[in-house]
């Protein structure tokens, strides 16, 4: 049975730390992590959730469609 509190957990599990220090999330990875927790979302639903609840991530996709890539940016210049 899917639980709402597991959605942010799946999101955190889908974050990729690149060698240069960037943190990115691909929608397909997020959907895969959600499926492992019994949430069966489409790419469109996952994109909508990221846009609404993850304000530190910016869309950097290079192709059209629902398979998108989001990049973590710090708008506070390193301050919390």
Protein backbone atom coordinates (compact mmCIF):
# COMPACT_ATOMS: atom_id res chain seq x y z
CA UNK A 1 0.00 0.00 0.00
CA UNK A 2 1.55 3.35 -1.00
CA UNK A 3 2.14 5.90 1.74
CA UNK A 4 2.32 9.62 1.09
CA UNK A 5 5.35 10.16 3.34
CA UNK A 6 7.40 7.82 1.08
CA UNK A 7 7.29 10.21 -1.89
CA UNK A 8 10.07 12.53 -0.60
CA UNK A 9 12.10 9.43 0.29
CA UNK A 10 11.84 8.19 -3.29
CA UNK A 11 12.84 11.65 -4.52
CA UNK A 12 15.95 11.72 -2.31
CA UNK A 13 16.87 8.21 -3.48
CA UNK A 14 16.69 9.33 -7.11
CA UNK A 15 19.19 12.21 -6.70
CA UNK A 16 22.45 11.59 -8.57
CA UNK A 17 25.66 13.22 -7.33
CA UNK A 18 27.87 13.90 -10.34
CA UNK A 19 31.69 13.98 -10.05
CA UNK A 20 31.75 17.77 -10.46
CA UNK A 21 29.50 18.20 -7.42
CA UNK A 22 26.22 18.80 -9.25
CA UNK A 23 23.09 17.07 -8.00
CA UNK A 24 20.52 16.09 -10.60
CA UNK A 25 17.27 14.16 -10.74
CA UNK A 26 15.90 12.46 -13.82
CA UNK A 27 12.15 11.99 -13.91
CA UNK A 28 12.51 8.38 -15.05
CA UNK A 29 14.72 7.61 -12.02
CA UNK A 30 12.19 9.23 -9.69
CA UNK A 31 9.34 7.17 -11.19
CA UNK A 32 11.42 3.99 -10.79
CA UNK A 33 12.07 4.77 -7.10
CA UNK A 34 8.37 5.49 -6.58
CA UNK A 35 7.42 2.16 -8.17
CA UNK A 36 9.70 0.37 -5.70
CA UNK A 37 7.54 1.89 -2.94
CA UNK A 38 4.20 0.96 -4.60
CA UNK A 39 3.51 4.40 -6.09
CA UNK A 40 2.67 4.01 -9.77
CA UNK A 41 3.04 7.47 -11.28
CA UNK A 42 3.41 8.62 -14.85
CA UNK A 43 6.32 10.83 -15.90
CA UNK A 44 3.90 13.76 -16.09
CA UNK A 45 2.72 13.24 -12.49
CA UNK A 46 6.31 13.00 -11.27
CA UNK A 47 7.27 16.22 -13.11
CA UNK A 48 4.32 18.02 -11.59
CA UNK A 49 5.29 16.88 -8.07
CA UNK A 50 8.91 18.02 -8.54
CA UNK A 51 7.79 21.42 -9.86
CA UNK A 52 5.37 21.95 -6.97
CA UNK A 53 7.35 20.61 -4.01
CA UNK A 54 11.05 20.89 -4.88
CA UNK A 55 11.75 24.58 -5.32
CA UNK A 56 15.53 24.17 -5.28
CA UNK A 57 15.49 22.20 -8.54
CA UNK A 58 15.51 23.79 -11.99
CA UNK A 59 14.62 22.06 -15.28
CA UNK A 60 17.72 21.62 -17.47
CA UNK A 61 16.28 19.14 -19.97
CA UNK A 62 17.81 19.11 -23.43
CA UNK A 63 15.01 17.21 -25.15
CA UNK A 64 11.27 17.58 -25.53
CA UNK A 65 8.80 15.37 -23.71
CA UNK A 66 8.18 14.16 -20.19
CA UNK A 67 11.63 12.61 -19.63
CA UNK A 68 13.14 15.61 -17.92
CA UNK A 69 16.26 16.38 -15.90
CA UNK A 70 16.30 18.71 -12.91
CA UNK A 71 19.40 20.37 -11.44
CA UNK A 72 19.75 21.46 -7.81
CA UNK A 73 20.75 25.09 -7.48
CA UNK A 74 21.32 27.09 -4.33
CA UNK A 75 19.69 30.48 -4.60
CA UNK A 76 21.17 31.56 -1.24
CA UNK A 77 24.81 31.46 -2.44
CA UNK A 78 25.67 28.72 0.02
CA UNK A 79 23.81 30.19 2.99
CA UNK A 80 20.92 28.45 4.74
